[in-house]
Amino acid sequence: MAPESPALALEGLNAFYGDSHVLCDVAFALQPGRVLALLGRNGAGKTTCIHSIMGLVRPRTGSVRLFGETISGLAPEAICRRGVGLVPQGRRIFPNLSVCENLQVAERRAAGGAKAWNVEAVFGRFPPLRARANQLAGSLSGGEQQMLAIGRALVSNPRVLLLDEPSEGLAPMIVHEVGETLLRLKSEGFSIVLVEQNTTLALRVADDVAILNTGRVVHAGTAADVKANPATLHANLGVV
C-alpha cells in the first residue's frame, strides 16, 4: 500500500519582498493528524511562511502541496476552498460585525462527508461566544477574540489549520485554554501548523518542530527531541 501523503509539504520554497530574499529553500512536512510547531526569532520568516502557504505571498520558486495536490500559485480563496484554514496573527476579526456575523461570513460546507463545523458547533466549543452572539466582535476581550478567530477558521471546514501566534497578548490562564483547544483539535484529527513565540505552549501541543533562522530551516525533528536537548532552543531562539 502506498504511504499516505503529508497533509502539507513545502519543498524548496523561496519568497521575496521586493529584492529581499525572505524564505530560502524552505522545506518541511506536516503529517496528517499532527501538530508542527514553526519556531524562530522575530523576523525569522515564520509569518511569511504561513502567508506563502495561504497564497498571501506568492513563492517565486518551490512548491506547497496539500495532501499531494499542488496549491502554490493559487489565490488565497482557492486555497481556502481546498481546505486550508488560517487563524492570522493579531486575530483580524471584523470588529464592526457581530460574533455571529463573523462566523457566518466564513462558513463553508464540509467536503467529502467530513464532520461539519458550523456556527452552532463553534458555540458548542466556545460557550462564551454563544452568550455574545449578537455583540460587536470589537468589544470582546482578547481571549474571546481569539476564540472567535479560531472558530471563524473552523467554520471553513479546513483539512489543515494554520495558526499564527495564537497566544500573543493573552493572559497566562487564557494561553492555557488556547493550548487545551489545540490539543482537542489534534485529538479530533486536525493537521495543524502552529507559529508561536511561547515555546512552552508550542512544545506542549506539538508533535514535530521546524525552526527558522533568517528564512532557512535550521532544525527539524520531533518535539520530544527538542525538549530533551534544550541547547537546540538556546542556539536558535536564545531561550532555555
Protein backbone atom coordinates (compact mmCIF):
# COMPACT_ATOMS: atom_id res chain seq x y z
CA MET A 1 0.00 0.00 0.00
CA ALA A 2 1.35 3.44 -0.94
CA PRO A 3 2.29 5.67 2.01
CA GLU A 4 -0.13 8.45 2.92
CA SER A 5 0.76 11.88 1.53
CA PRO A 6 1.72 14.54 4.05
CA ALA A 7 -1.12 16.84 4.98
CA LEU A 8 1.11 19.73 3.95
CA ALA A 9 4.53 19.64 2.28
CA LEU A 10 6.81 22.55 1.44
CA GLU A 11 9.74 21.92 -0.89
CA GLY A 12 12.42 24.43 -1.92
CA LEU A 13 10.20 27.42 -1.12
CA ASN A 14 11.73 30.80 -1.96
CA ALA A 15 9.85 34.03 -1.33
CA PHE A 16 10.82 37.67 -1.69
CA TYR A 17 9.63 41.10 -0.58
CA GLY A 18 10.89 43.20 -3.46
CA ASP A 19 14.60 42.37 -3.67
CA SER A 20 14.74 40.94 -0.13
CA HIS A 21 15.05 37.15 -0.09
CA VAL A 22 12.97 36.24 3.00
CA LEU A 23 12.43 32.48 2.57
CA CYS A 24 15.38 30.42 1.33
CA ASP A 25 14.68 26.87 0.13
CA VAL A 26 12.28 26.21 2.99
CA ALA A 27 11.20 22.57 3.24
CA PHE A 28 9.22 20.70 5.87
CA ALA A 29 6.27 18.31 6.02
CA LEU A 30 3.22 18.20 8.29
CA GLN A 31 1.90 14.69 8.74
CA PRO A 32 -1.87 14.05 8.99
CA GLY A 33 -3.32 14.43 12.46
CA ARG A 34 -0.19 16.01 13.93
CA VAL A 35 0.86 19.46 15.12
CA LEU A 36 4.04 21.00 13.72
CA ALA A 37 5.40 23.98 15.65
CA LEU A 38 7.16 26.51 13.42
CA LEU A 39 9.56 28.36 15.70
CA GLY A 40 12.08 31.15 15.25
CA ARG A 41 13.15 34.57 16.46
CA ASN A 42 11.27 37.70 15.40
CA GLY A 43 11.95 38.33 11.72
CA ALA A 44 12.96 34.71 11.03
CA GLY A 45 10.30 34.34 8.33
CA LYS A 46 7.57 32.43 10.18
CA THR A 47 4.64 34.65 9.21
CA THR A 48 5.96 34.93 5.64
CA CYS A 49 5.99 31.14 5.52
CA ILE A 50 2.36 30.99 6.68
CA HIS A 51 1.41 33.68 4.16
CA SER A 52 3.18 31.75 1.39
CA ILE A 53 1.21 28.60 2.23
CA MET A 54 -2.00 30.61 2.23
CA GLY A 55 -1.24 32.38 -1.07
CA LEU A 56 -0.98 35.84 0.50
CA VAL A 57 2.68 35.90 -0.57
CA ARG A 58 3.36 34.14 -3.87
CA PRO A 59 6.52 31.99 -3.73
CA ARG A 60 8.98 32.72 -6.54
CA THR A 61 10.12 29.08 -6.69
CA GLY A 62 9.34 25.84 -4.88
CA SER A 63 6.06 24.12 -4.11
CA VAL A 64 3.38 23.75 -1.47
CA ARG A 65 1.30 20.57 -1.60
CA LEU A 66 -1.89 19.80 0.31
CA PHE A 67 -2.39 16.04 0.64
CA GLY A 68 -0.35 15.64 -2.55
CA GLU A 69 -2.13 18.39 -4.53
CA THR A 70 -0.05 21.42 -5.53
CA ILE A 71 -1.63 24.60 -4.18
CA SER A 72 1.27 27.06 -4.56
CA GLY A 73 0.37 29.77 -7.04
CA LEU A 74 -3.36 29.62 -6.30
CA ALA A 75 -5.29 32.59 -4.96
CA PRO A 76 -5.97 32.62 -1.19
CA GLU A 77 -9.69 31.96 -1.65
CA ALA A 78 -8.92 28.92 -3.81
CA ILE A 79 -6.50 27.61 -1.19
CA CYS A 80 -9.18 28.10 1.46
CA ARG A 81 -11.70 26.16 -0.66
CA ARG A 82 -9.24 23.27 -0.95
CA GLY A 83 -9.11 23.01 2.81
CA VAL A 84 -6.57 25.34 4.43
CA GLY A 85 -7.83 27.48 7.30
CA LEU A 86 -5.92 30.44 8.76
CA VAL A 87 -6.01 32.00 12.22
CA PRO A 88 -3.94 35.11 11.48
CA GLN A 89 -1.57 36.95 13.79
CA GLY A 90 -3.46 39.68 15.61
CA ARG A 91 -6.74 37.73 15.13
CA ARG A 92 -8.06 40.09 12.42
CA ILE A 93 -11.71 39.62 13.33
CA PHE A 94 -14.24 42.04 11.80
CA PRO A 95 -14.81 44.46 14.71
CA ASN A 96 -17.95 46.07 13.32
CA LEU A 97 -19.74 42.78 12.71
CA SER A 98 -21.38 40.72 15.42
CA VAL A 99 -19.84 37.50 16.68
CA CYS A 100 -22.43 35.51 14.73
CA GLU A 101 -21.83 37.52 11.55
CA ASN A 102 -18.06 36.96 11.80
CA LEU A 103 -18.71 33.23 11.73
CA GLN A 104 -21.40 33.32 9.06
CA VAL A 105 -19.24 35.14 6.51
CA ALA A 106 -16.57 32.40 6.73
CA GLU A 107 -18.86 29.36 6.82
CA ARG A 108 -18.26 26.76 4.09
CA ARG A 109 -19.71 23.32 3.55
CA ALA A 110 -17.51 20.39 4.60
CA ALA A 111 -16.11 18.36 1.71
CA GLY A 112 -16.30 14.61 1.30
CA GLY A 113 -18.79 13.95 4.04
CA ALA A 114 -16.42 15.16 6.77
CA LYS A 115 -17.79 16.20 10.13
CA ALA A 116 -19.12 19.70 9.55
CA TRP A 117 -18.19 22.71 11.60
CA ASN A 118 -20.88 25.37 11.59
CA VAL A 119 -21.85 28.33 13.77
CA GLU A 120 -23.68 26.13 16.26
CA ALA A 121 -20.69 23.77 16.57
CA VAL A 122 -18.40 26.73 17.32
CA PHE A 123 -20.81 27.98 20.01
CA GLY A 124 -20.76 24.48 21.49
CA ARG A 125 -16.93 24.51 21.60
CA PHE A 126 -16.67 28.10 22.88
CA PRO A 127 -19.70 28.83 25.14
CA PRO A 128 -18.66 32.44 25.87
CA LEU A 129 -19.21 33.22 22.18
CA ARG A 130 -22.80 31.95 22.32
CA ALA A 131 -23.54 34.38 25.16
CA ARG A 132 -22.17 37.21 22.98
CA ALA A 133 -23.55 36.09 19.63
CA ASN A 134 -25.13 39.47 18.83
CA GLN A 135 -22.37 41.58 20.38
CA LEU A 136 -19.96 43.50 18.16
CA ALA A 137 -16.77 41.48 17.86
CA GLY A 138 -14.61 44.54 18.50
CA SER A 139 -15.98 44.76 22.04
CA LEU A 140 -14.84 41.25 23.03
CA SER A 141 -11.89 40.59 25.30
CA GLY A 142 -8.62 39.44 23.74
CA GLY A 143 -9.30 35.84 24.74
CA GLU A 144 -12.81 35.93 23.30
CA GLN A 145 -11.49 37.44 20.07
CA GLN A 146 -9.01 34.57 19.80
CA MET A 147 -11.83 32.06 20.31
CA LEU A 148 -13.70 33.84 17.53
CA ALA A 149 -10.68 33.81 15.21
CA ILE A 150 -10.25 30.07 15.74
CA GLY A 151 -13.98 29.48 15.31
CA ARG A 152 -14.00 31.52 12.10
CA ALA A 153 -11.27 29.27 10.69
CA LEU A 154 -13.11 26.13 11.80
CA VAL A 155 -16.38 27.00 10.04
CA SER A 156 -14.49 26.98 6.74
CA ASN A 157 -14.12 23.23 7.47
CA PRO A 158 -10.37 23.04 6.79
CA ARG A 159 -8.27 19.90 6.47
CA VAL A 160 -5.17 21.82 7.58
CA LEU A 161 -5.24 24.62 10.14
CA LEU A 162 -2.58 27.37 10.29
CA LEU A 163 -2.30 29.37 13.50
CA ASP A 164 -0.01 32.41 13.64
CA GLU A 165 0.87 33.46 17.21
CA PRO A 166 -2.46 32.50 18.85
CA SER A 167 -1.20 33.26 22.39
CA GLU A 168 0.04 36.76 21.55
CA GLY A 169 -1.14 39.35 24.09
CA LEU A 170 -3.18 36.89 26.17
CA ALA A 171 -3.13 36.31 29.92
CA PRO A 172 -1.47 33.08 31.09
CA MET A 173 -4.78 31.44 32.00
CA ILE A 174 -6.15 32.14 28.52
CA VAL A 175 -2.92 30.87 26.95
CA HIS A 176 -3.50 27.59 28.79
CA GLU A 177 -7.04 27.45 27.37
CA VAL A 178 -5.68 28.01 23.85
CA GLY A 179 -3.38 25.04 24.41
CA GLU A 180 -6.29 22.88 25.55
CA THR A 181 -8.23 23.88 22.43
CA LEU A 182 -5.32 22.90 20.18
CA LEU A 183 -4.93 19.55 21.94
CA ARG A 184 -8.64 18.84 21.45
CA LEU A 185 -8.47 19.74 17.77
CA LYS A 186 -5.45 17.45 17.35
CA SER A 187 -7.34 14.62 19.06
CA GLU A 188 -10.14 15.15 16.53
CA GLY A 189 -7.74 14.58 13.64
CA PHE A 190 -6.81 18.12 12.61
CA SER A 191 -3.42 18.67 10.99
CA ILE A 192 -2.01 21.91 12.42
CA VAL A 193 0.91 24.25 11.76
CA LEU A 194 1.46 26.41 14.84
CA VAL A 195 3.63 29.54 14.74
CA GLU A 196 4.27 30.51 18.34
CA GLN A 197 6.78 32.59 20.31
CA ASN A 198 5.64 30.91 23.53
CA THR A 199 7.86 27.83 23.36
CA THR A 200 6.26 26.30 26.45
CA LEU A 201 2.87 26.30 24.74
CA ALA A 202 4.33 25.20 21.40
CA LEU A 203 6.21 22.22 22.83
CA ARG A 204 3.23 21.24 24.97
CA VAL A 205 0.98 20.67 21.97
CA ALA A 206 3.41 19.93 19.11
CA ASP A 207 4.48 16.55 17.80
CA ASP A 208 7.11 17.96 15.46
CA VAL A 209 9.20 21.13 15.25
CA ALA A 210 10.79 23.15 12.47
CA ILE A 211 12.99 26.10 13.43
CA LEU A 212 13.56 29.00 11.05
CA ASN A 213 16.52 31.35 11.19
CA THR A 214 16.84 34.18 8.66
CA GLY A 215 14.45 32.44 6.32
CA ARG A 216 16.05 28.99 6.41
CA VAL A 217 15.06 25.81 8.23
CA VAL A 218 17.96 25.21 10.61
CA HIS A 219 16.44 22.36 12.59
CA ALA A 220 13.64 19.86 12.01
CA GLY A 221 12.70 16.98 14.27
CA THR A 222 10.28 15.83 16.93
CA ALA A 223 9.14 17.99 19.82
CA ALA A 224 10.37 15.27 22.19
CA ASP A 225 13.89 15.60 20.79
CA VAL A 226 13.83 19.37 21.20
CA LYS A 227 12.60 19.09 24.80
CA ALA A 228 15.35 16.58 25.53
CA ASN A 229 18.01 18.88 24.02
CA PRO A 230 17.39 22.43 25.31
CA ALA A 231 20.65 23.56 23.68
CA THR A 232 18.77 23.44 20.36
CA LEU A 233 16.35 26.09 21.56
CA HIS A 234 19.10 28.15 23.16
CA ALA A 235 21.19 28.17 20.00
CA ASN A 236 18.37 29.06 17.65
CA LEU A 237 15.92 31.03 19.79
CA GLY A 238 18.00 32.34 22.65
CA VAL A 239 15.82 30.56 25.23
CA VAL A 240 16.42 27.60 27.53
